[in-house]
N, C-alpha and C. Protein backbone atom coordinates (compact mmCIF):
# COMPACT_ATOMS: atom_id res chain seq x y z
N UNK A 1 68.70 87.91 108.59
CA UNK A 1 69.62 87.14 109.38
C UNK A 1 70.57 86.41 108.44
N UNK A 2 71.84 86.51 108.71
CA UNK A 2 72.85 85.87 107.88
C UNK A 2 73.16 84.48 108.42
N UNK A 3 73.23 83.48 107.54
CA UNK A 3 73.55 82.14 108.01
C UNK A 3 75.00 82.06 108.42
N UNK A 4 75.28 81.17 109.32
CA UNK A 4 76.64 81.01 109.78
C UNK A 4 77.06 79.57 109.53
N UNK A 5 78.30 79.43 109.15
CA UNK A 5 78.84 78.09 108.98
C UNK A 5 78.98 77.44 110.35
N UNK A 6 78.72 76.15 110.41
CA UNK A 6 78.79 75.46 111.69
C UNK A 6 80.20 75.03 112.01
N UNK A 7 81.03 74.80 111.04
CA UNK A 7 82.38 74.29 111.28
C UNK A 7 83.42 75.38 111.19
N UNK A 8 84.59 75.15 111.80
CA UNK A 8 85.64 76.15 111.78
C UNK A 8 86.31 76.30 110.43
N UNK A 9 86.16 75.30 109.54
CA UNK A 9 86.82 75.34 108.24
C UNK A 9 85.78 75.19 107.15
N UNK A 10 84.80 76.06 107.14
CA UNK A 10 83.65 75.91 106.25
C UNK A 10 83.98 76.08 104.78
N UNK A 11 85.15 76.63 104.45
CA UNK A 11 85.47 76.80 103.03
C UNK A 11 86.25 75.61 102.49
N UNK A 12 86.49 74.62 103.31
CA UNK A 12 87.24 73.45 102.87
C UNK A 12 86.30 72.25 102.87
N UNK A 13 86.40 71.41 101.86
CA UNK A 13 85.50 70.26 101.80
C UNK A 13 85.68 69.36 103.02
N UNK A 14 84.56 68.92 103.60
CA UNK A 14 84.60 68.05 104.75
C UNK A 14 84.81 66.60 104.32
N UNK A 15 84.42 66.25 103.10
CA UNK A 15 84.52 64.88 102.63
C UNK A 15 85.05 64.88 101.21
N UNK A 16 86.36 64.67 101.03
CA UNK A 16 86.94 64.73 99.68
C UNK A 16 86.34 63.72 98.72
N UNK A 17 85.84 62.60 99.21
CA UNK A 17 85.26 61.61 98.31
C UNK A 17 84.00 62.12 97.63
N UNK A 18 83.39 63.17 98.19
CA UNK A 18 82.16 63.72 97.62
C UNK A 18 82.46 64.88 96.67
N UNK A 19 83.72 65.16 96.41
CA UNK A 19 84.07 66.37 95.67
C UNK A 19 83.55 66.40 94.24
N UNK A 20 83.19 65.26 93.67
CA UNK A 20 82.64 65.26 92.32
C UNK A 20 81.13 65.17 92.32
N UNK A 21 80.51 65.26 93.48
CA UNK A 21 79.06 65.24 93.56
C UNK A 21 78.52 63.85 93.76
N UNK A 22 77.58 63.73 94.68
CA UNK A 22 76.92 62.47 95.00
C UNK A 22 77.91 61.32 95.21
N UNK A 23 79.07 61.62 95.77
CA UNK A 23 80.04 60.60 96.10
C UNK A 23 80.88 60.12 94.93
N UNK A 24 80.64 60.60 93.73
CA UNK A 24 81.45 60.19 92.57
C UNK A 24 82.70 61.04 92.51
N UNK A 25 83.82 60.38 92.33
CA UNK A 25 85.09 61.10 92.23
C UNK A 25 85.44 61.20 90.75
N UNK A 26 85.81 62.40 90.31
CA UNK A 26 86.18 62.61 88.92
C UNK A 26 87.48 63.39 88.87
N UNK A 27 88.28 63.08 87.89
CA UNK A 27 89.55 63.80 87.73
C UNK A 27 89.26 65.24 87.35
N UNK A 28 89.98 66.21 87.96
CA UNK A 28 89.77 67.62 87.61
C UNK A 28 89.96 67.83 86.10
N UNK A 29 89.06 68.56 85.51
CA UNK A 29 89.14 68.87 84.09
C UNK A 29 88.56 67.80 83.19
N UNK A 30 88.20 66.65 83.75
CA UNK A 30 87.65 65.57 82.95
C UNK A 30 86.20 65.89 82.59
N UNK A 31 85.67 65.13 81.63
CA UNK A 31 84.27 65.34 81.24
C UNK A 31 83.35 65.08 82.43
N UNK A 32 83.68 64.07 83.24
CA UNK A 32 82.85 63.77 84.41
C UNK A 32 82.85 64.93 85.40
N UNK A 33 84.00 65.56 85.59
CA UNK A 33 84.08 66.69 86.53
C UNK A 33 83.27 67.87 86.00
N UNK A 34 83.30 68.09 84.67
CA UNK A 34 82.54 69.20 84.10
C UNK A 34 81.04 68.96 84.20
N UNK A 35 80.62 67.70 84.21
CA UNK A 35 79.21 67.37 84.25
C UNK A 35 78.72 67.08 85.67
N UNK A 36 79.60 67.11 86.66
CA UNK A 36 79.21 66.80 88.03
C UNK A 36 78.13 67.78 88.49
N UNK A 37 77.19 67.25 89.23
CA UNK A 37 76.17 68.10 89.84
C UNK A 37 76.09 67.76 91.31
N UNK A 38 75.49 68.67 92.07
CA UNK A 38 75.41 68.52 93.51
C UNK A 38 73.99 68.85 93.96
N UNK A 39 73.52 68.10 94.92
CA UNK A 39 72.24 68.44 95.54
C UNK A 39 72.51 69.42 96.67
N UNK A 40 71.46 70.00 97.19
CA UNK A 40 71.62 70.93 98.31
C UNK A 40 72.20 70.18 99.52
N UNK A 41 71.82 68.91 99.67
CA UNK A 41 72.33 68.09 100.77
C UNK A 41 73.82 67.82 100.59
N UNK A 42 74.24 67.53 99.35
CA UNK A 42 75.67 67.31 99.08
C UNK A 42 76.50 68.52 99.52
N UNK A 43 76.07 69.70 99.11
CA UNK A 43 76.82 70.91 99.44
C UNK A 43 76.77 71.22 100.93
N UNK A 44 75.62 71.02 101.53
CA UNK A 44 75.48 71.29 102.96
C UNK A 44 76.43 70.39 103.76
N UNK A 45 76.50 69.14 103.39
CA UNK A 45 77.39 68.21 104.09
C UNK A 45 78.86 68.55 103.83
N UNK A 46 79.17 68.82 102.58
CA UNK A 46 80.57 69.09 102.22
C UNK A 46 81.12 70.30 102.95
N UNK A 47 80.33 71.36 103.06
CA UNK A 47 80.81 72.60 103.66
C UNK A 47 80.33 72.80 105.09
N UNK A 48 79.66 71.81 105.64
CA UNK A 48 79.18 71.85 107.02
C UNK A 48 78.36 73.10 107.31
N UNK A 49 77.40 73.34 106.44
CA UNK A 49 76.44 74.42 106.63
C UNK A 49 75.04 73.84 106.45
N UNK A 50 74.04 74.62 106.75
CA UNK A 50 72.67 74.12 106.63
C UNK A 50 72.13 74.35 105.21
N UNK A 51 71.17 73.53 104.79
CA UNK A 51 70.51 73.80 103.51
C UNK A 51 69.88 75.20 103.50
N UNK A 52 69.41 75.64 104.66
CA UNK A 52 68.83 76.98 104.75
C UNK A 52 69.86 78.05 104.38
N UNK A 53 71.11 77.86 104.82
CA UNK A 53 72.18 78.81 104.47
C UNK A 53 72.40 78.83 102.95
N UNK A 54 72.36 77.66 102.34
CA UNK A 54 72.54 77.58 100.89
C UNK A 54 71.39 78.29 100.18
N UNK A 55 70.17 78.10 100.66
CA UNK A 55 69.02 78.79 100.06
C UNK A 55 69.14 80.31 100.24
N UNK A 56 69.68 80.72 101.38
CA UNK A 56 69.91 82.15 101.63
C UNK A 56 70.86 82.72 100.57
N UNK A 57 71.97 82.02 100.31
CA UNK A 57 72.92 82.50 99.30
C UNK A 57 72.29 82.49 97.92
N UNK A 58 71.38 81.57 97.67
CA UNK A 58 70.64 81.56 96.42
C UNK A 58 69.74 82.80 96.34
N UNK A 59 69.04 83.10 97.43
CA UNK A 59 68.17 84.29 97.47
C UNK A 59 68.97 85.58 97.26
N UNK A 60 70.23 85.57 97.69
CA UNK A 60 71.09 86.75 97.55
C UNK A 60 71.71 86.86 96.16
N UNK A 61 71.44 85.90 95.29
CA UNK A 61 71.95 85.94 93.92
C UNK A 61 73.37 85.42 93.78
N UNK A 62 73.89 84.77 94.81
CA UNK A 62 75.25 84.23 94.74
C UNK A 62 75.26 82.87 94.06
N UNK A 63 74.24 82.08 94.31
CA UNK A 63 74.10 80.76 93.70
C UNK A 63 72.88 80.76 92.79
N UNK A 64 72.96 79.98 91.70
CA UNK A 64 71.84 79.91 90.76
C UNK A 64 71.68 78.47 90.28
N UNK A 65 71.10 77.59 91.12
CA UNK A 65 70.96 76.20 90.71
C UNK A 65 69.90 76.02 89.63
N UNK A 66 70.09 74.97 88.85
CA UNK A 66 69.05 74.57 87.90
C UNK A 66 67.96 73.87 88.71
N UNK A 67 66.79 73.74 88.10
CA UNK A 67 65.67 73.06 88.77
C UNK A 67 65.30 71.83 87.97
N UNK A 68 65.03 70.74 88.70
CA UNK A 68 64.61 69.49 88.07
C UNK A 68 63.41 68.94 88.81
N UNK A 69 62.83 67.90 88.23
CA UNK A 69 61.73 67.20 88.88
C UNK A 69 60.40 67.89 88.68
N UNK A 70 59.38 67.28 89.26
CA UNK A 70 58.03 67.80 89.15
C UNK A 70 57.95 69.19 89.75
N UNK A 71 57.55 70.12 88.93
CA UNK A 71 57.41 71.51 89.39
C UNK A 71 58.73 72.21 89.65
N UNK A 72 59.84 71.60 89.27
CA UNK A 72 61.15 72.24 89.47
C UNK A 72 61.52 72.40 90.93
N UNK A 73 61.09 71.48 91.77
CA UNK A 73 61.34 71.60 93.20
C UNK A 73 62.76 71.18 93.61
N UNK A 74 63.40 70.33 92.82
CA UNK A 74 64.73 69.83 93.17
C UNK A 74 65.81 70.76 92.61
N UNK A 75 66.64 71.28 93.49
CA UNK A 75 67.75 72.14 93.09
C UNK A 75 68.93 71.28 92.65
N UNK A 76 69.55 71.67 91.54
CA UNK A 76 70.72 70.96 91.03
C UNK A 76 71.83 72.00 90.85
N UNK A 77 72.88 71.83 91.63
CA UNK A 77 73.97 72.80 91.63
C UNK A 77 75.11 72.30 90.75
N UNK A 78 75.64 73.20 89.94
CA UNK A 78 76.76 72.91 89.04
C UNK A 78 78.08 73.18 89.77
N UNK A 79 79.19 72.73 89.19
CA UNK A 79 80.50 73.03 89.79
C UNK A 79 80.71 74.54 90.01
N UNK A 80 80.16 75.36 89.12
CA UNK A 80 80.26 76.82 89.27
C UNK A 80 79.62 77.26 90.59
N UNK A 81 78.45 76.70 90.92
CA UNK A 81 77.78 77.04 92.18
C UNK A 81 78.61 76.59 93.37
N UNK A 82 79.19 75.41 93.27
CA UNK A 82 80.03 74.90 94.35
C UNK A 82 81.22 75.83 94.58
N UNK A 83 81.85 76.27 93.52
CA UNK A 83 82.99 77.18 93.64
C UNK A 83 82.54 78.51 94.24
N UNK A 84 81.42 79.03 93.78
CA UNK A 84 80.91 80.29 94.32
C UNK A 84 80.59 80.16 95.81
N UNK A 85 80.03 79.02 96.22
CA UNK A 85 79.74 78.80 97.63
C UNK A 85 81.04 78.74 98.43
N UNK A 86 82.02 78.05 97.91
CA UNK A 86 83.32 77.95 98.59
C UNK A 86 83.94 79.33 98.76
N UNK A 87 83.92 80.14 97.71
CA UNK A 87 84.47 81.50 97.79
C UNK A 87 83.66 82.38 98.74
N UNK A 88 82.36 82.19 98.75
CA UNK A 88 81.50 82.96 99.67
C UNK A 88 81.85 82.65 101.11
N UNK A 89 81.99 81.38 101.42
CA UNK A 89 82.32 80.99 102.80
C UNK A 89 83.71 81.48 103.19
N UNK A 90 84.63 81.48 102.25
CA UNK A 90 85.97 82.00 102.53
C UNK A 90 85.90 83.51 102.79
N UNK A 91 85.11 84.22 101.98
CA UNK A 91 84.95 85.66 102.18
C UNK A 91 84.30 85.98 103.52
N UNK A 92 83.30 85.18 103.89
CA UNK A 92 82.65 85.39 105.19
C UNK A 92 83.65 85.16 106.33
N UNK A 93 84.49 84.15 106.18
CA UNK A 93 85.51 83.89 107.20
C UNK A 93 86.47 85.07 107.33
N UNK A 94 86.73 85.74 106.22
CA UNK A 94 87.59 86.93 106.25
C UNK A 94 86.85 88.15 106.80
N UNK A 95 85.53 88.03 106.95
CA UNK A 95 84.75 89.14 107.49
C UNK A 95 84.21 90.09 106.44
N UNK A 96 84.23 89.68 105.18
CA UNK A 96 83.71 90.54 104.12
C UNK A 96 82.19 90.49 104.12
N UNK A 97 81.57 91.56 103.66
CA UNK A 97 80.11 91.58 103.54
C UNK A 97 79.69 90.76 102.32
N UNK A 98 78.43 90.37 102.27
CA UNK A 98 77.94 89.62 101.11
C UNK A 98 78.05 90.45 99.84
N UNK A 99 77.83 91.75 99.95
CA UNK A 99 77.97 92.62 98.78
C UNK A 99 79.41 92.58 98.26
N UNK A 100 80.37 92.70 99.15
CA UNK A 100 81.78 92.64 98.74
C UNK A 100 82.10 91.29 98.13
N UNK A 101 81.60 90.23 98.74
CA UNK A 101 81.86 88.88 98.23
C UNK A 101 81.28 88.72 96.84
N UNK A 102 80.03 89.13 96.67
CA UNK A 102 79.38 88.99 95.36
C UNK A 102 80.14 89.79 94.29
N UNK A 103 80.55 91.01 94.62
CA UNK A 103 81.30 91.83 93.66
C UNK A 103 82.61 91.15 93.27
N UNK A 104 83.31 90.60 94.25
CA UNK A 104 84.59 89.94 93.96
C UNK A 104 84.40 88.68 93.13
N UNK A 105 83.39 87.89 93.47
CA UNK A 105 83.13 86.66 92.70
C UNK A 105 82.74 87.02 91.27
N UNK A 106 81.84 87.98 91.12
CA UNK A 106 81.42 88.40 89.78
C UNK A 106 82.59 88.95 88.98
N UNK A 107 83.48 89.68 89.66
CA UNK A 107 84.64 90.25 88.99
C UNK A 107 85.54 89.14 88.44
N UNK A 108 85.74 88.09 89.21
CA UNK A 108 86.61 87.00 88.77
C UNK A 108 85.98 86.16 87.68
N UNK A 109 84.67 86.21 87.55
CA UNK A 109 84.01 85.45 86.49
C UNK A 109 83.97 86.22 85.17
N UNK A 110 84.31 87.50 85.22
CA UNK A 110 84.32 88.28 83.99
C UNK A 110 85.70 88.19 83.34
N UNK A 111 85.78 88.36 82.03
CA UNK A 111 87.06 88.22 81.33
C UNK A 111 87.91 89.50 81.38
N UNK A 112 88.00 90.11 82.53
CA UNK A 112 88.75 91.36 82.65
C UNK A 112 90.22 91.07 82.94
N UNK A 113 90.98 92.14 83.00
CA UNK A 113 92.40 92.10 83.28
C UNK A 113 92.65 91.59 84.71
N UNK A 114 93.52 90.60 84.85
CA UNK A 114 93.81 90.02 86.16
C UNK A 114 94.46 91.04 87.10
N UNK A 115 95.28 91.92 86.58
CA UNK A 115 95.93 92.93 87.43
C UNK A 115 94.89 93.87 88.02
N UNK A 116 93.92 94.27 87.23
CA UNK A 116 92.87 95.15 87.73
C UNK A 116 92.05 94.43 88.81
N UNK A 117 91.80 93.15 88.61
CA UNK A 117 91.06 92.37 89.60
C UNK A 117 91.85 92.28 90.90
N UNK A 118 93.14 92.04 90.79
CA UNK A 118 93.98 91.94 91.99
C UNK A 118 94.03 93.28 92.72
N UNK A 119 94.10 94.38 91.98
CA UNK A 119 94.11 95.70 92.62
C UNK A 119 92.79 95.95 93.36
N UNK A 120 91.68 95.55 92.76
CA UNK A 120 90.37 95.73 93.40
C UNK A 120 90.28 94.90 94.68
N UNK A 121 90.73 93.66 94.62
CA UNK A 121 90.71 92.80 95.80
C UNK A 121 91.62 93.36 96.89
N UNK A 122 92.78 93.85 96.50
CA UNK A 122 93.70 94.46 97.46
C UNK A 122 93.06 95.66 98.14
N UNK A 123 92.34 96.48 97.37
CA UNK A 123 91.66 97.64 97.94
C UNK A 123 90.59 97.21 98.96
N UNK A 124 89.82 96.18 98.62
CA UNK A 124 88.80 95.67 99.53
C UNK A 124 89.45 95.18 100.82
N UNK A 125 90.55 94.43 100.68
CA UNK A 125 91.24 93.92 101.86
C UNK A 125 91.81 95.05 102.71
N UNK A 126 92.37 96.08 102.08
CA UNK A 126 92.92 97.22 102.82
C UNK A 126 91.81 97.94 103.60
N UNK A 127 90.67 98.13 102.97
CA UNK A 127 89.54 98.78 103.64
C UNK A 127 89.05 97.94 104.81
N UNK A 128 88.99 96.65 104.60
CA UNK A 128 88.53 95.76 105.65
C UNK A 128 89.52 95.75 106.82
N UNK A 129 90.81 95.73 106.51
CA UNK A 129 91.81 95.76 107.57
C UNK A 129 91.72 97.05 108.36
N UNK A 130 91.54 98.18 107.69
CA UNK A 130 91.41 99.47 108.38
C UNK A 130 90.21 99.46 109.33
N UNK A 131 89.10 98.89 108.87
CA UNK A 131 87.91 98.82 109.72
C UNK A 131 88.17 97.93 110.94
N UNK A 132 88.85 96.80 110.73
CA UNK A 132 89.16 95.90 111.85
C UNK A 132 90.13 96.56 112.84
N UNK A 133 91.10 97.29 112.32
CA UNK A 133 92.05 97.98 113.21
C UNK A 133 91.34 99.04 114.04
N UNK A 134 90.37 99.74 113.44
CA UNK A 134 89.59 100.72 114.19
C UNK A 134 88.75 100.03 115.27
N UNK A 135 88.17 98.90 114.91
CA UNK A 135 87.39 98.14 115.90
C UNK A 135 88.28 97.68 117.05
N UNK A 136 89.49 97.24 116.73
CA UNK A 136 90.41 96.80 117.77
C UNK A 136 90.75 97.96 118.70
N UNK A 137 91.00 99.14 118.13
CA UNK A 137 91.29 100.33 118.95
C UNK A 137 90.09 100.66 119.85
N UNK A 138 88.90 100.61 119.28
CA UNK A 138 87.68 100.88 120.07
C UNK A 138 87.53 99.87 121.21
N UNK A 139 87.82 98.62 120.93
CA UNK A 139 87.73 97.57 121.96
C UNK A 139 88.75 97.82 123.06
N UNK A 140 89.97 98.20 122.69
CA UNK A 140 91.00 98.47 123.69
C UNK A 140 90.59 99.63 124.60
N UNK A 141 90.00 100.69 124.03
CA UNK A 141 89.54 101.83 124.83
C UNK A 141 88.43 101.37 125.78
N UNK A 142 87.49 100.59 125.26
CA UNK A 142 86.38 100.10 126.09
C UNK A 142 86.89 99.21 127.22
N UNK A 143 87.83 98.32 126.91
CA UNK A 143 88.40 97.46 127.95
C UNK A 143 89.10 98.28 129.03
N UNK A 144 89.81 99.32 128.64
CA UNK A 144 90.48 100.18 129.63
C UNK A 144 89.44 100.86 130.53
N UNK A 145 88.32 101.29 129.96
CA UNK A 145 87.25 101.89 130.76
C UNK A 145 86.66 100.87 131.73
N UNK A 146 86.50 99.65 131.28
CA UNK A 146 85.97 98.59 132.16
C UNK A 146 86.91 98.35 133.32
N UNK A 147 88.20 98.30 133.05
CA UNK A 147 89.18 98.11 134.12
C UNK A 147 89.07 99.23 135.15
N UNK A 148 88.91 100.47 134.68
CA UNK A 148 88.76 101.60 135.60
C UNK A 148 87.49 101.47 136.45
N UNK A 149 86.38 101.07 135.81
CA UNK A 149 85.12 100.90 136.55
C UNK A 149 85.23 99.76 137.56
N UNK A 150 85.88 98.68 137.18
CA UNK A 150 86.07 97.56 138.10
C UNK A 150 86.89 98.01 139.31
N UNK A 151 87.96 98.76 139.06
CA UNK A 151 88.81 99.24 140.15
C UNK A 151 88.03 100.15 141.08
N UNK A 152 87.21 101.03 140.50
CA UNK A 152 86.39 101.93 141.32
C UNK A 152 85.40 101.15 142.16
N UNK A 153 84.76 100.14 141.59
CA UNK A 153 83.81 99.31 142.35
C UNK A 153 84.51 98.57 143.48
N UNK A 154 85.68 98.03 143.19
CA UNK A 154 86.43 97.34 144.24
C UNK A 154 86.83 98.30 145.36
N UNK A 155 87.22 99.52 144.96
CA UNK A 155 87.61 100.51 145.95
C UNK A 155 86.42 100.87 146.83
N UNK A 156 85.24 101.07 146.21
CA UNK A 156 84.04 101.39 146.98
C UNK A 156 83.64 100.23 147.90
N UNK A 157 83.73 99.01 147.40
CA UNK A 157 83.40 97.84 148.23
C UNK A 157 84.39 97.67 149.37
N UNK A 158 85.64 97.95 149.11
CA UNK A 158 86.66 97.87 150.16
C UNK A 158 86.45 98.90 151.22
N UNK A 159 86.04 100.12 150.85
CA UNK A 159 85.77 101.20 151.79
C UNK A 159 84.53 100.89 152.61
N UNK A 160 83.55 100.22 152.02
CA UNK A 160 82.32 99.87 152.74
C UNK A 160 82.56 98.88 153.85
N UNK A 161 83.55 98.01 153.70
CA UNK A 161 83.86 97.05 154.76
C UNK A 161 84.53 97.73 155.94
N UNK A 162 85.31 98.78 155.63
CA UNK A 162 86.04 99.49 156.69
C UNK A 162 85.10 100.38 157.49
N UNK A 163 84.06 100.89 156.89
CA UNK A 163 83.22 101.90 157.52
C UNK A 163 82.03 101.35 158.11
């Protein structure tokens, strides 16, 4: 079962004051921003998803938090994990599969050519659009069939009143 974001804008932070982790605000690129960490609760609140959804993305290899505390029970997420979660939620909103999302995220984290990365992303988007257009066509055909069945039922019901 795939987790679903609860909010309509799950890839955007819900609380900008929490953007540096645990309510601390840090300037982008500063030492504090590089050292910021997030708890599972911080991320769940920020992106309006459940901690269970975050653990699911961890199980899928998208997130890799450090462990702290007795027995390593406390998850500590780095800015990299936060970014990966944000990109994952954006990809899900676009309708991409987790496999596609993971491939794209991994591709952008590698030091490859940006043009090749853009071409790969464009190909994924083109394939996804083609699939959506086919689904739309299938839905239109199904809706037309439903209209025909409704008309036939109404015709039969109308004839039953006359007879």
